[in-house]
Amino acid sequence: MKEGDAILVTNFIRLKKEGYLPDRDLILALTADEEGGSSNGVDWLLKQHRDWIDAEYCINLDGGEFEKENGKHVLAAIQASEKVYVDFQFESLNAGGHSSVPTPDNAIYHLAGALARLQSFSFPVRINEITRNYFERMAALTTGQDSAAMKAVAKQPPDAAAVQRLSEVPYYNSLLHTTCVATLLSGGHAPNALPQTARANVNCRIFPGEDPQQVLKTLERVANDSKVRVTMVQQKGPDGRVVPVVPVPPSPLLPEVTQAMEKTLSAAWPGVPLVATMSTGATDGRMTRIAGIPTYGISCMFFDRNDDRSHGKDERVGVQDFYDGVAFNYKLIRELSASH
């Protein structure tokens, strides 16, 4: 996020100094990101000052990574969709007792059983325009059985055997399914007492268009234990009120945007394909999409596809990749806003 902010600030200052006159307003919004900006982030900005950022469309540098491998530029992504972040809690309560007199009715055991069933469960396959386009484009960039599987997955309906093969790869599995995974665990209160509570946070990334309430019902069926309660963790907005979880619609691939991307990309890195993608994670783009503003994640920087350090303490971007991103973003802004 910070590298994207730096790129945008650099280029807006440059355009201002050059006296550049775009054919429309160029709006720069720098906000707290989706991980910690509920009180002053994009959601607040849309609710309090929608007129400040009421744009025809939005370019979000926090999505749509450009990929390289072994130093070679492989593809440039334009993120037009993303999954919905929702946390659920699995909870088992028990009367407890002294650990010297154990019983099979144990809160930790009940919870562990439910999580084991979750581990072996897979949500039904889902494909939309963006992911179908992704697999069609990637099939041409891949060889062998993976290429054949991608072509088969992009068919209507998708080939079941191809889905199974690609689902063995974690990233492709996340593109094809809603995913839910245990991320936090707590239980018991003393080493010599039977546990009275056992809880787990289950983080779900829900496929666009899928109803979170239906996901809740599915998780209840998967848990399959009357002594394990499954609830949706409430999200609260800046005013302290509960924010309803709503589906995030994909953004249409506007020719104005994709053509500008293709032109800028071919000039900077000839032969590098543009691929529309759906983020498996979440960005602030979900807020602007829900508000009806088509949003496109375009990071402008290349990242090594085999060195993903997202959210790590050693998260990084290459020095040359950063400066190349500054130049690319500058040219893209001008291409999108110049009179033709």
Protein backbone atom coordinates (compact mmCIF):
# COMPACT_ATOMS: atom_id res chain seq x y z
CA MET A 1 0.00 0.00 0.00
CA LYS A 2 2.73 2.48 0.92
CA GLU A 3 4.56 1.94 -2.36
CA GLY A 4 1.33 2.65 -4.24
CA ASP A 5 0.82 5.85 -2.25
CA ALA A 6 4.36 6.95 -3.04
CA ILE A 7 3.87 6.26 -6.75
CA LEU A 8 0.62 8.21 -6.94
CA VAL A 9 1.90 11.19 -4.95
CA THR A 10 5.05 11.33 -7.09
CA ASN A 11 3.08 11.34 -10.32
CA PHE A 12 0.40 13.80 -9.22
CA ILE A 13 3.14 16.24 -8.19
CA ARG A 14 4.86 15.73 -11.53
CA LEU A 15 1.65 16.27 -13.52
CA LYS A 16 0.92 19.43 -11.54
CA LYS A 17 4.42 20.82 -12.13
CA GLU A 18 4.16 20.04 -15.83
CA GLY A 19 0.90 21.96 -16.07
CA TYR A 20 -0.87 18.90 -17.44
CA LEU A 21 -4.55 19.43 -18.30
CA PRO A 22 -6.48 16.14 -18.24
CA ASP A 23 -9.77 15.69 -20.07
CA ARG A 24 -11.50 14.98 -16.73
CA ASP A 25 -10.92 15.40 -13.01
CA LEU A 26 -8.14 13.28 -11.54
CA ILE A 27 -8.91 12.54 -7.88
CA LEU A 28 -6.24 11.23 -5.50
CA ALA A 29 -7.57 9.55 -2.34
CA LEU A 30 -5.06 8.40 0.27
CA THR A 31 -6.83 6.58 3.10
CA ALA A 32 -6.25 4.14 5.93
CA ASP A 33 -6.37 0.69 4.34
CA GLU A 34 -8.94 -2.07 4.75
CA GLU A 35 -7.05 -3.69 7.63
CA GLY A 36 -7.32 -0.78 10.04
CA GLY A 37 -9.29 2.03 8.49
CA SER A 38 -12.89 1.41 9.51
CA SER A 39 -13.03 4.75 11.33
CA ASN A 40 -11.41 6.88 8.63
CA GLY A 41 -10.99 4.72 5.55
CA VAL A 42 -12.77 4.45 2.22
CA ASP A 43 -16.05 3.34 3.81
CA TRP A 44 -16.11 6.52 5.93
CA LEU A 45 -15.14 8.64 2.93
CA LEU A 46 -17.95 7.20 0.81
CA LYS A 47 -20.54 7.75 3.53
CA GLN A 48 -19.43 11.22 4.63
CA HIS A 49 -17.97 12.78 1.47
CA ARG A 50 -19.11 10.74 -1.51
CA ASP A 51 -19.01 13.88 -3.67
CA TRP A 52 -15.25 14.14 -3.14
CA ILE A 53 -14.58 10.83 -4.87
CA ASP A 54 -17.66 10.29 -7.04
CA ALA A 55 -15.65 9.16 -10.06
CA GLU A 56 -16.52 7.35 -13.29
CA TYR A 57 -14.17 4.58 -12.21
CA CYS A 58 -11.34 3.95 -9.76
CA ILE A 59 -7.77 2.70 -10.19
CA ASN A 60 -6.57 0.93 -7.04
CA LEU A 61 -2.83 0.30 -6.72
CA ASP A 62 -3.45 -2.15 -3.87
CA GLY A 63 -4.51 -4.91 -6.26
CA GLY A 64 -3.70 -6.48 -9.61
CA GLU A 65 -0.08 -7.48 -9.13
CA PHE A 66 2.25 -7.78 -12.09
CA GLU A 67 4.09 -11.12 -11.98
CA LYS A 68 7.65 -12.06 -12.84
CA GLU A 69 9.56 -15.34 -12.57
CA ASN A 70 13.34 -15.78 -12.63
CA GLY A 71 13.64 -12.12 -13.58
CA LYS A 72 11.28 -12.47 -16.58
CA HIS A 73 8.10 -10.42 -16.79
CA VAL A 74 5.28 -12.98 -17.09
CA LEU A 75 1.97 -11.10 -16.92
CA ALA A 76 0.26 -7.92 -15.82
CA ALA A 77 -2.94 -8.37 -13.85
CA ILE A 78 -5.95 -6.09 -13.75
CA GLN A 79 -8.05 -6.94 -10.71
CA ALA A 80 -11.74 -6.59 -11.52
CA SER A 81 -13.21 -8.72 -8.75
CA GLU A 82 -12.42 -9.91 -5.24
CA LYS A 83 -13.73 -12.34 -2.68
CA VAL A 84 -15.64 -11.26 0.41
CA TYR A 85 -13.91 -11.47 3.82
CA VAL A 86 -16.05 -12.93 6.61
CA ASP A 87 -15.01 -14.47 9.96
CA PHE A 88 -17.04 -17.17 11.69
CA GLN A 89 -16.66 -18.52 15.22
CA PHE A 90 -16.85 -22.20 16.11
CA GLU A 91 -17.61 -22.50 19.83
CA SER A 92 -18.13 -25.43 22.19
CA LEU A 93 -19.23 -24.90 25.81
CA ASN A 94 -19.14 -27.46 28.61
CA ALA A 95 -19.71 -27.72 32.36
CA GLY A 96 -16.08 -28.75 32.76
CA GLY A 97 -14.80 -30.50 35.86
CA HIS A 98 -11.62 -31.92 37.34
CA SER A 99 -9.16 -33.35 34.84
CA SER A 100 -8.61 -36.41 37.04
CA VAL A 101 -12.11 -37.58 36.10
CA PRO A 102 -12.28 -37.10 32.32
CA THR A 103 -15.37 -37.75 30.22
CA PRO A 104 -15.84 -38.14 26.44
CA ASP A 105 -17.98 -34.99 26.51
CA ASN A 106 -15.08 -32.56 26.12
CA ALA A 107 -15.37 -29.09 24.59
CA ILE A 108 -11.95 -29.32 22.94
CA TYR A 109 -12.75 -32.72 21.43
CA HIS A 110 -16.07 -31.46 20.05
CA LEU A 111 -14.36 -28.45 18.50
CA ALA A 112 -11.47 -30.53 17.14
CA GLY A 113 -13.91 -32.90 15.46
CA ALA A 114 -15.76 -30.04 13.79
CA LEU A 115 -12.50 -28.52 12.55
CA ALA A 116 -11.34 -31.88 11.21
CA ARG A 117 -14.54 -32.13 9.18
CA LEU A 118 -14.00 -28.58 7.93
CA GLN A 119 -10.48 -29.50 6.84
CA SER A 120 -11.78 -32.22 4.52
CA PHE A 121 -14.68 -30.17 3.13
CA SER A 122 -14.66 -28.25 -0.15
CA PHE A 123 -17.27 -25.74 -1.24
CA PRO A 124 -18.86 -26.20 -4.69
CA VAL A 125 -16.98 -24.87 -7.71
CA ARG A 126 -17.86 -21.32 -8.78
CA ILE A 127 -16.76 -19.43 -11.89
CA ASN A 128 -17.60 -15.92 -13.09
CA GLU A 129 -16.66 -13.83 -16.12
CA ILE A 130 -13.41 -12.70 -14.53
CA THR A 131 -12.13 -16.12 -13.44
CA ARG A 132 -13.19 -17.70 -16.73
CA ASN A 133 -11.23 -15.03 -18.59
CA TYR A 134 -8.29 -15.67 -16.26
CA PHE A 135 -8.14 -19.39 -16.96
CA GLU A 136 -8.59 -18.85 -20.70
CA ARG A 137 -5.67 -16.42 -20.78
CA MET A 138 -3.50 -18.49 -18.46
CA ALA A 139 -4.07 -21.61 -20.57
CA ALA A 140 -2.22 -19.89 -23.40
CA LEU A 141 0.67 -19.04 -21.06
CA THR A 142 0.95 -22.53 -19.57
CA THR A 143 1.94 -25.88 -21.03
CA GLY A 144 1.09 -29.55 -20.59
CA GLN A 145 -1.68 -30.89 -18.40
CA ASP A 146 -2.13 -27.63 -16.52
CA SER A 147 -2.89 -25.81 -19.78
CA ALA A 148 -5.41 -28.46 -20.79
CA ALA A 149 -7.03 -28.32 -17.35
CA MET A 150 -7.38 -24.54 -17.53
CA LYS A 151 -9.07 -24.75 -20.92
CA ALA A 152 -11.44 -27.40 -19.58
CA VAL A 153 -12.25 -25.38 -16.46
CA ALA A 154 -13.15 -22.36 -18.60
CA LYS A 155 -15.83 -24.34 -20.44
CA GLN A 156 -19.52 -24.15 -19.57
CA PRO A 157 -20.01 -26.21 -17.48
CA PRO A 158 -16.43 -26.64 -16.21
CA ASP A 159 -14.93 -30.11 -16.48
CA ALA A 160 -15.06 -31.84 -13.08
CA ALA A 161 -11.75 -33.68 -13.50
CA ALA A 162 -10.02 -30.44 -14.49
CA VAL A 163 -11.47 -28.67 -11.46
CA GLN A 164 -10.15 -31.42 -9.21
CA ARG A 165 -6.67 -31.21 -10.76
CA LEU A 166 -6.40 -27.44 -10.47
CA SER A 167 -7.86 -27.46 -6.96
CA GLU A 168 -4.74 -29.29 -5.80
CA VAL A 169 -2.90 -25.98 -6.31
CA PRO A 170 -3.85 -23.69 -3.37
CA TYR A 171 -4.10 -20.53 -5.48
CA TYR A 172 -6.26 -22.09 -8.18
CA ASN A 173 -8.37 -23.75 -5.49
CA SER A 174 -9.04 -20.30 -4.03
CA LEU A 175 -10.12 -19.01 -7.45
CA LEU A 176 -12.56 -21.88 -7.91
CA HIS A 177 -14.19 -22.10 -4.50
CA THR A 178 -15.30 -20.22 -1.45
CA THR A 179 -12.66 -21.15 1.13
CA CYS A 180 -12.87 -21.37 4.92
CA VAL A 181 -9.90 -22.09 7.16
CA ALA A 182 -9.23 -22.12 10.91
CA THR A 183 -6.91 -19.24 11.84
CA LEU A 184 -7.19 -18.80 15.63
CA LEU A 185 -7.73 -21.31 18.42
CA SER A 186 -8.34 -21.07 22.18
CA GLY A 187 -9.63 -23.44 24.82
CA GLY A 188 -9.61 -24.30 28.50
CA HIS A 189 -8.64 -22.19 31.48
CA ALA A 190 -6.30 -24.39 33.54
CA PRO A 191 -4.02 -27.40 32.89
CA ASN A 192 -5.78 -29.46 35.58
CA ALA A 193 -9.38 -28.71 34.60
CA LEU A 194 -11.69 -30.04 31.91
CA PRO A 195 -12.28 -27.26 29.40
CA GLN A 196 -15.44 -25.24 29.74
CA THR A 197 -14.85 -23.40 26.49
CA ALA A 198 -13.16 -24.08 23.17
CA ARG A 199 -13.27 -21.59 20.33
CA ALA A 200 -11.84 -21.24 16.85
CA ASN A 201 -11.93 -18.41 14.36
CA VAL A 202 -12.69 -19.64 10.87
CA ASN A 203 -11.80 -17.13 8.17
CA CYS A 204 -13.80 -17.39 4.96
CA ARG A 205 -13.16 -15.79 1.60
CA ILE A 206 -16.54 -15.97 -0.10
CA PHE A 207 -16.91 -16.10 -3.88
CA PRO A 208 -18.56 -12.96 -5.32
CA GLY A 209 -22.32 -13.35 -5.46
CA GLU A 210 -22.51 -16.11 -2.85
CA ASP A 211 -24.73 -15.38 0.15
CA PRO A 212 -22.78 -15.28 3.46
CA GLN A 213 -25.87 -16.61 5.26
CA GLN A 214 -25.78 -19.70 3.06
CA VAL A 215 -22.10 -20.11 3.92
CA LEU A 216 -23.08 -20.01 7.60
CA LYS A 217 -25.65 -22.75 7.06
CA THR A 218 -23.08 -24.82 5.18
CA LEU A 219 -20.58 -24.48 8.02
CA GLU A 220 -23.22 -25.60 10.50
CA ARG A 221 -23.80 -28.73 8.43
CA VAL A 222 -20.06 -29.34 8.14
CA ALA A 223 -19.52 -28.96 11.90
CA ASN A 224 -22.26 -31.58 12.35
CA ASP A 225 -22.22 -31.41 16.14
CA SER A 226 -25.02 -30.08 18.33
CA LYS A 227 -22.40 -29.03 20.88
CA VAL A 228 -20.54 -26.80 18.42
CA ARG A 229 -22.20 -23.45 17.74
CA VAL A 230 -21.29 -21.60 14.55
CA THR A 231 -21.86 -17.83 14.36
CA MET A 232 -20.87 -15.04 12.02
CA VAL A 233 -18.46 -12.54 13.60
CA GLN A 234 -20.00 -9.10 13.37
CA GLN A 235 -18.14 -6.28 11.68
CA LYS A 236 -18.72 -2.76 12.98
CA GLY A 237 -18.48 0.51 11.14
CA PRO A 238 -17.07 3.90 12.24
CA ASP A 239 -20.28 4.65 14.14
CA GLY A 240 -20.16 1.39 16.09
CA ARG A 241 -23.09 -0.09 14.23
CA VAL A 242 -22.99 -3.58 12.77
CA VAL A 243 -22.08 -3.52 9.08
CA PRO A 244 -24.07 -6.06 7.06
CA VAL A 245 -21.99 -8.37 4.90
CA VAL A 246 -23.03 -7.91 1.29
CA PRO A 247 -21.83 -9.51 -1.95
CA VAL A 248 -19.27 -7.53 -3.95
CA PRO A 249 -20.15 -7.34 -7.66
CA PRO A 250 -17.34 -7.74 -10.21
CA SER A 251 -16.44 -4.61 -12.16
CA PRO A 252 -17.20 -4.71 -15.90
CA LEU A 253 -14.08 -4.72 -18.05
CA LEU A 254 -14.49 -1.24 -19.54
CA PRO A 255 -12.77 -1.03 -22.96
CA GLU A 256 -11.52 2.45 -22.09
CA VAL A 257 -9.53 1.01 -19.19
CA THR A 258 -8.38 -2.26 -20.75
CA GLN A 259 -7.32 -0.59 -24.00
CA ALA A 260 -5.31 2.04 -22.13
CA MET A 261 -3.69 -0.74 -20.12
CA GLU A 262 -2.87 -2.75 -23.25
CA LYS A 263 -1.33 0.27 -24.96
CA THR A 264 0.75 1.34 -21.97
CA LEU A 265 1.81 -2.23 -21.25
CA SER A 266 2.92 -3.01 -24.80
CA ALA A 267 5.01 0.17 -24.89
CA ALA A 268 6.71 -0.59 -21.57
CA TRP A 269 7.08 -4.37 -21.80
CA PRO A 270 6.28 -5.70 -25.28
CA GLY A 271 4.75 -9.16 -25.26
CA VAL A 272 3.63 -9.17 -21.63
CA PRO A 273 -0.07 -10.16 -21.60
CA LEU A 274 -2.81 -8.37 -19.68
CA VAL A 275 -4.86 -10.79 -17.58
CA ALA A 276 -8.07 -9.94 -15.71
CA THR A 277 -8.06 -11.44 -12.21
CA MET A 278 -10.15 -11.92 -9.09
CA SER A 279 -8.28 -11.30 -5.84
CA THR A 280 -8.51 -14.10 -3.33
CA GLY A 281 -7.86 -11.50 -0.63
CA ALA A 282 -9.60 -8.21 0.12
CA THR A 283 -8.83 -4.60 -0.77
CA ASP A 284 -10.59 -1.27 -0.37
CA GLY A 285 -11.85 -1.84 -3.89
CA ARG A 286 -14.77 -3.77 -2.42
CA MET A 287 -16.07 -0.53 -0.87
CA THR A 288 -16.03 1.42 -4.12
CA ARG A 289 -17.51 -1.51 -6.05
CA ILE A 290 -20.37 -1.82 -3.56
CA ALA A 291 -20.89 1.94 -3.94
CA GLY A 292 -21.31 1.47 -7.69
CA ILE A 293 -17.89 2.75 -8.80
CA PRO A 294 -16.17 0.27 -11.16
CA THR A 295 -12.77 -0.41 -9.62
CA TYR A 296 -9.64 -1.90 -11.15
CA GLY A 297 -6.64 -3.10 -9.21
CA ILE A 298 -3.48 -2.18 -11.11
CA SER A 299 -0.36 -2.33 -8.95
CA CYS A 300 1.95 -1.14 -11.77
CA MET A 301 4.83 -3.07 -10.13
CA PHE A 302 6.24 -6.53 -10.79
CA PHE A 303 6.53 -9.03 -7.95
CA ASP A 304 8.26 -12.41 -7.98
CA ARG A 305 5.47 -14.99 -8.10
CA ASN A 306 7.67 -17.41 -6.12
CA ASP A 307 8.49 -14.91 -3.37
CA ASP A 308 5.15 -13.82 -1.94
CA ARG A 309 5.77 -12.09 1.41
CA SER A 310 2.40 -10.38 1.72
CA HIS A 311 1.61 -9.37 5.33
CA GLY A 312 5.01 -10.64 6.46
CA LYS A 313 7.52 -8.68 8.50
CA ASP A 314 9.85 -8.90 5.51
CA GLU A 315 7.32 -7.78 2.89
CA ARG A 316 9.22 -6.01 0.13
CA VAL A 317 9.27 -4.67 -3.41
CA GLY A 318 12.28 -4.55 -5.72
CA VAL A 319 13.97 -1.16 -6.11
CA GLN A 320 13.95 -1.24 -9.92
CA ASP A 321 10.42 -2.67 -9.92
CA PHE A 322 9.30 0.32 -7.87
CA TYR A 323 10.81 2.90 -10.21
CA ASP A 324 9.48 1.02 -13.23
CA GLY A 325 6.08 1.18 -11.54
CA VAL A 326 6.36 4.95 -11.13
CA ALA A 327 7.04 5.35 -14.85
CA PHE A 328 4.27 2.94 -15.86
CA ASN A 329 1.67 4.60 -13.65
CA TYR A 330 2.56 8.04 -15.01
CA LYS A 331 2.05 6.89 -18.59
CA LEU A 332 -1.17 5.07 -17.70
CA ILE A 333 -2.65 8.16 -16.02
CA ARG A 334 -1.92 10.23 -19.10
CA GLU A 335 -3.33 7.56 -21.41
CA LEU A 336 -6.55 7.41 -19.40
CA SER A 337 -6.99 11.18 -19.19
CA ALA A 338 -5.58 12.61 -22.43
CA SER A 339 -7.86 14.00 -25.12
CA HIS A 340 -7.93 11.59 -28.07
